Amino acid sequence: MLTVSNIHAHYGHIHALRDVSLEVGEGEIVTLIGANGAGKSTLLMTICGDPRTSQGTIVFDGQDITQLPTHKIARLGIAHAPEGRRIFPRMTVLENLLLGATANEAVDVESQLAHVFGLFPRLNERLAQRGGTLSGGEQQMLAIARALMSRPRLMLLDEPSLGLAPIIVREIFQAIANLNKNDGMTVFLVEQNAHHALRLAHRGYVMITGEMALSGTGTELMNNEEVKAAYLEGGHGITVEEATS
């Protein structure tokens, strides 16, 4: 469904992504793990068109989207729940959700609302509440639900567990699993919580300083000694040399 081939991206003079390639197949959950500053969020934003790739190609469902503007990429069926949630704090829960539906003119809004309330019943209880007054976990639920309102074919999720209590993290990851299992949703998940992410994912990648260093099934990466030491046992990352040695 998604093929990223040898892409490079820059922030000014900073070379943020270097020759990055990956694939996400239809119906898969694919995760990307790595330390802070590795370039994970930049990759998701580059898929969505901002920043632009300076080299390489991005193909979604057979269509080259490398140079498409972000709003056209969204209309093709890619939704992004960004790091930090980025909900509209002064808008109500319902207004945030309705805004998410605007990326797909054909969406049945009432049906999608019922769908996201099935995943996150708490949002239904807080429809008239301003987004900024929700708890952190509720805001994350809202960010994911808002992205789902466009009925996307591919969900890009950036650090959905960041800063949340363990019980809420489990709830969020269960919702992602249900989306994939029950709806066939394809998910590309960026996550620092490597344990949860690799248990959930069919396949995974490890990014180090803007480069892809390792790939494999979720189980293979969980059993990889370098990955275990760096991300599953309290470590703080590995170098490219360690990953490829």
Protein backbone atom coordinates (compact mmCIF):
# COMPACT_ATOMS: atom_id res chain seq x y z
CA MET A 1 0.00 0.00 0.00
CA LEU A 2 2.78 2.44 0.92
CA THR A 3 6.28 2.31 -0.57
CA VAL A 4 8.94 4.79 0.50
CA SER A 5 12.02 4.53 -1.71
CA ASN A 6 15.40 6.09 -0.94
CA ILE A 7 14.03 9.37 0.34
CA HIS A 8 16.03 12.27 1.76
CA ALA A 9 14.58 15.25 3.63
CA HIS A 10 16.09 18.42 5.07
CA TYR A 11 15.24 21.11 7.58
CA GLY A 12 17.34 23.94 6.21
CA HIS A 13 20.91 22.64 6.33
CA ILE A 14 19.99 19.70 8.58
CA HIS A 15 19.87 16.40 6.70
CA ALA A 16 17.01 14.80 8.64
CA LEU A 17 16.34 11.68 6.54
CA ARG A 18 19.05 9.80 4.66
CA ASP A 19 18.19 7.26 1.96
CA VAL A 20 15.17 5.91 3.86
CA SER A 21 13.18 3.03 2.36
CA LEU A 22 10.29 1.01 3.78
CA GLU A 23 7.05 -0.71 2.85
CA VAL A 24 3.67 -0.96 4.55
CA GLY A 25 1.41 -3.66 3.12
CA GLU A 26 -2.37 -3.43 3.08
CA GLY A 27 -3.86 -4.72 6.34
CA GLU A 28 -0.56 -4.58 8.23
CA ILE A 29 0.49 -2.85 11.40
CA VAL A 30 4.06 -1.70 10.82
CA THR A 31 5.96 0.08 13.57
CA LEU A 32 8.99 2.35 13.54
CA ILE A 33 11.05 2.62 16.70
CA GLY A 34 14.09 4.66 17.56
CA ALA A 35 15.50 7.16 20.03
CA ASN A 36 14.44 10.82 20.31
CA GLY A 37 15.72 12.80 17.35
CA ALA A 38 16.11 9.76 15.12
CA GLY A 39 13.83 11.21 12.44
CA LYS A 40 10.70 9.15 13.06
CA SER A 41 8.23 12.03 13.19
CA THR A 42 9.97 13.69 10.24
CA LEU A 43 9.34 10.57 8.19
CA LEU A 44 5.60 10.65 8.92
CA MET A 45 5.42 14.34 8.08
CA THR A 46 7.37 13.79 4.87
CA ILE A 47 4.89 11.10 3.81
CA CYS A 48 2.21 13.77 4.30
CA GLY A 49 4.11 16.30 2.19
CA ASP A 50 5.74 18.61 4.74
CA PRO A 51 8.72 18.69 4.59
CA ARG A 52 9.13 17.69 0.97
CA THR A 53 11.52 14.97 -0.03
CA SER A 54 14.67 16.33 -1.64
CA GLN A 55 15.32 12.96 -3.26
CA GLY A 56 13.48 9.65 -3.63
CA THR A 57 9.82 8.70 -4.11
CA ILE A 58 6.73 7.94 -2.03
CA VAL A 59 4.02 5.79 -3.62
CA PHE A 60 0.58 5.16 -2.08
CA ASP A 61 -1.73 2.57 -3.59
CA GLY A 62 0.15 2.73 -6.89
CA GLN A 63 0.13 6.53 -7.12
CA ASP A 64 3.25 8.67 -6.78
CA ILE A 65 2.44 11.19 -4.04
CA THR A 66 5.96 12.59 -3.64
CA GLN A 67 5.06 16.06 -4.90
CA LEU A 68 1.37 16.20 -4.00
CA PRO A 69 0.19 18.89 -1.55
CA THR A 70 -0.82 17.69 1.88
CA HIS A 71 -4.56 18.19 1.43
CA LYS A 72 -4.58 16.02 -1.70
CA ILE A 73 -2.60 13.31 0.09
CA ALA A 74 -5.22 13.33 2.86
CA ARG A 75 -8.02 12.99 0.33
CA LEU A 76 -6.41 9.86 -1.10
CA GLY A 77 -7.02 8.13 2.24
CA ILE A 78 -4.01 8.85 4.47
CA ALA A 79 -4.74 10.23 7.95
CA HIS A 80 -2.14 11.47 10.44
CA ALA A 81 -2.54 11.60 14.22
CA PRO A 82 0.56 13.67 15.06
CA GLU A 83 2.87 13.65 18.04
CA GLY A 84 1.57 15.92 20.79
CA ARG A 85 -2.07 15.31 19.74
CA ARG A 86 -2.54 18.82 18.29
CA ILE A 87 -6.24 18.91 18.86
CA PHE A 88 -8.01 22.29 18.77
CA PRO A 89 -8.29 23.09 22.48
CA ARG A 90 -11.00 25.77 22.21
CA MET A 91 -13.22 23.61 20.02
CA THR A 92 -15.52 21.01 21.48
CA VAL A 93 -14.96 17.30 21.09
CA LEU A 94 -17.70 17.18 18.45
CA GLU A 95 -16.25 20.12 16.53
CA ASN A 96 -12.81 18.47 16.48
CA LEU A 97 -14.35 15.26 15.16
CA LEU A 98 -16.40 17.00 12.47
CA LEU A 99 -13.28 18.82 11.31
CA GLY A 100 -11.58 15.46 10.81
CA ALA A 101 -14.37 14.35 8.48
CA THR A 102 -13.76 17.22 6.04
CA ALA A 103 -10.91 15.36 4.31
CA ASN A 104 -13.44 12.95 2.78
CA GLU A 105 -16.54 14.49 1.25
CA ALA A 106 -18.12 11.05 0.78
CA VAL A 107 -17.93 10.05 4.44
CA ASP A 108 -21.14 9.25 6.32
CA VAL A 109 -20.55 11.48 9.33
CA GLU A 110 -23.14 9.88 11.61
CA SER A 111 -21.80 6.41 10.85
CA GLN A 112 -18.22 7.47 11.52
CA LEU A 113 -19.21 9.15 14.78
CA ALA A 114 -20.86 5.94 15.91
CA HIS A 115 -17.73 4.03 14.91
CA VAL A 116 -15.30 6.19 16.88
CA PHE A 117 -17.63 6.22 19.90
CA GLY A 118 -17.55 2.43 19.80
CA LEU A 119 -13.77 2.60 20.07
CA PHE A 120 -13.65 5.46 22.58
CA PRO A 121 -16.97 5.66 24.50
CA ARG A 122 -15.58 8.41 26.72
CA LEU A 123 -15.62 10.85 23.81
CA ASN A 124 -19.37 10.41 23.45
CA GLU A 125 -19.75 11.44 27.07
CA ARG A 126 -17.77 14.64 26.45
CA LEU A 127 -19.15 15.83 23.11
CA ALA A 128 -19.84 19.38 24.29
CA GLN A 129 -16.61 19.67 26.32
CA ARG A 130 -13.74 21.76 24.98
CA GLY A 131 -10.79 19.67 23.85
CA GLY A 132 -8.34 21.58 26.02
CA THR A 133 -10.17 20.54 29.19
CA LEU A 134 -9.84 16.80 28.50
CA SER A 135 -7.28 14.63 30.26
CA GLY A 136 -4.14 13.67 28.34
CA GLY A 137 -5.50 10.22 27.58
CA GLU A 138 -8.81 11.63 26.38
CA GLN A 139 -6.99 14.11 24.15
CA GLN A 140 -5.05 11.26 22.57
CA MET A 141 -8.28 9.35 21.98
CA LEU A 142 -9.69 12.48 20.35
CA ALA A 143 -6.63 12.88 18.12
CA ILE A 144 -6.96 9.30 16.87
CA ALA A 145 -10.74 9.56 16.52
CA ARG A 146 -10.42 12.82 14.57
CA ALA A 147 -8.07 11.11 12.11
CA LEU A 148 -10.49 8.19 11.80
CA MET A 149 -13.38 10.47 10.90
CA SER A 150 -12.16 10.71 7.30
CA ARG A 151 -12.45 6.91 7.01
CA PRO A 152 -8.80 6.57 5.94
CA ARG A 153 -7.19 3.55 4.33
CA LEU A 154 -3.85 4.22 6.05
CA MET A 155 -3.40 5.61 9.56
CA LEU A 156 -0.14 7.28 10.55
CA LEU A 157 0.11 7.32 14.34
CA ASP A 158 2.91 9.28 15.99
CA GLU A 159 3.74 8.42 19.62
CA PRO A 160 0.18 7.62 20.77
CA SER A 161 1.38 6.48 24.21
CA LEU A 162 3.54 9.52 24.98
CA GLY A 163 3.03 10.82 28.51
CA LEU A 164 0.07 8.58 29.30
CA ALA A 165 -0.60 6.36 32.32
CA PRO A 166 -0.08 2.62 31.71
CA ILE A 167 -3.80 1.81 31.91
CA ILE A 168 -4.56 4.41 29.20
CA VAL A 169 -1.67 3.15 27.08
CA ARG A 170 -3.19 -0.33 27.13
CA GLU A 171 -6.54 1.11 26.12
CA ILE A 172 -5.02 3.03 23.20
CA PHE A 173 -3.08 0.02 21.93
CA GLN A 174 -6.14 -2.20 22.24
CA ALA A 175 -8.08 0.27 20.10
CA ILE A 176 -5.32 0.15 17.45
CA ALA A 177 -5.41 -3.66 17.50
CA ASN A 178 -9.20 -3.62 17.12
CA LEU A 179 -9.02 -1.21 14.19
CA ASN A 180 -6.65 -3.53 12.41
CA LYS A 181 -8.38 -6.80 13.28
CA ASN A 182 -12.01 -5.76 12.88
CA ASP A 183 -11.79 -3.05 10.21
CA GLY A 184 -8.71 -4.17 8.31
CA MET A 185 -7.15 -0.76 8.95
CA THR A 186 -3.56 -0.42 7.78
CA VAL A 187 -1.45 1.31 10.43
CA PHE A 188 2.04 2.81 10.35
CA LEU A 189 2.95 3.41 13.99
CA VAL A 190 5.82 5.51 15.31
CA GLU A 191 6.39 4.70 18.96
CA GLN A 192 9.09 4.99 21.63
CA ASN A 193 7.39 2.32 23.73
CA ALA A 194 9.12 -0.44 21.81
CA HIS A 195 7.69 -3.25 23.93
CA HIS A 196 4.06 -2.39 23.19
CA ALA A 197 4.75 -1.44 19.59
CA LEU A 198 6.66 -4.60 18.62
CA ARG A 199 4.13 -6.86 20.36
CA LEU A 200 1.38 -5.22 18.33
CA ALA A 201 3.12 -4.97 14.95
CA HIS A 202 3.34 -7.48 12.15
CA ARG A 203 6.65 -5.93 11.09
CA GLY A 204 8.96 -3.21 12.32
CA TYR A 205 11.87 -0.96 11.48
CA VAL A 206 14.54 0.67 13.64
CA MET A 207 15.68 4.18 12.71
CA ILE A 208 18.94 5.70 13.90
CA THR A 209 19.93 9.32 13.14
CA GLY A 210 17.82 9.56 10.01
CA GLU A 211 18.71 6.15 8.60
CA MET A 212 17.04 2.75 8.61
CA ALA A 213 19.25 0.35 10.54
CA LEU A 214 17.18 -2.80 11.09
CA SER A 215 13.94 -4.38 9.95
CA GLY A 216 12.06 -7.60 10.61
CA THR A 217 8.91 -9.03 12.08
CA GLY A 218 7.81 -7.71 15.45
CA THR A 219 8.95 -10.96 17.06
CA GLU A 220 12.33 -10.90 15.32
CA LEU A 221 13.06 -7.38 16.51
CA MET A 222 11.91 -8.17 20.06
CA ASN A 223 14.38 -11.04 20.10
CA ASN A 224 17.23 -9.05 18.56
CA GLU A 225 19.94 -8.57 21.19
CA GLU A 226 20.81 -5.02 20.12
CA VAL A 227 17.15 -3.99 20.11
CA LYS A 228 16.53 -5.62 23.50
CA ALA A 229 19.52 -3.87 25.05
CA ALA A 230 18.74 -0.49 23.53
CA TYR A 231 14.95 -0.26 23.66
CA LEU A 232 13.49 -3.07 25.78
CA GLU A 233 15.78 -3.15 28.78
CA GLY A 234 16.13 0.50 29.69
CA GLY A 235 18.69 1.42 27.05
CA HIS A 236 18.85 4.71 25.18
CA GLY A 237 19.43 3.64 21.60
CA ILE A 238 22.06 2.02 19.44
CA THR A 239 24.43 3.34 16.81
CA VAL A 240 24.31 2.51 13.13
CA GLU A 241 27.60 0.66 13.53
CA GLU A 242 26.20 -1.52 16.31
CA ALA A 243 23.03 -2.27 14.37
CA THR A 244 24.84 -3.31 11.20
CA SER A 245 27.84 -5.07 12.72
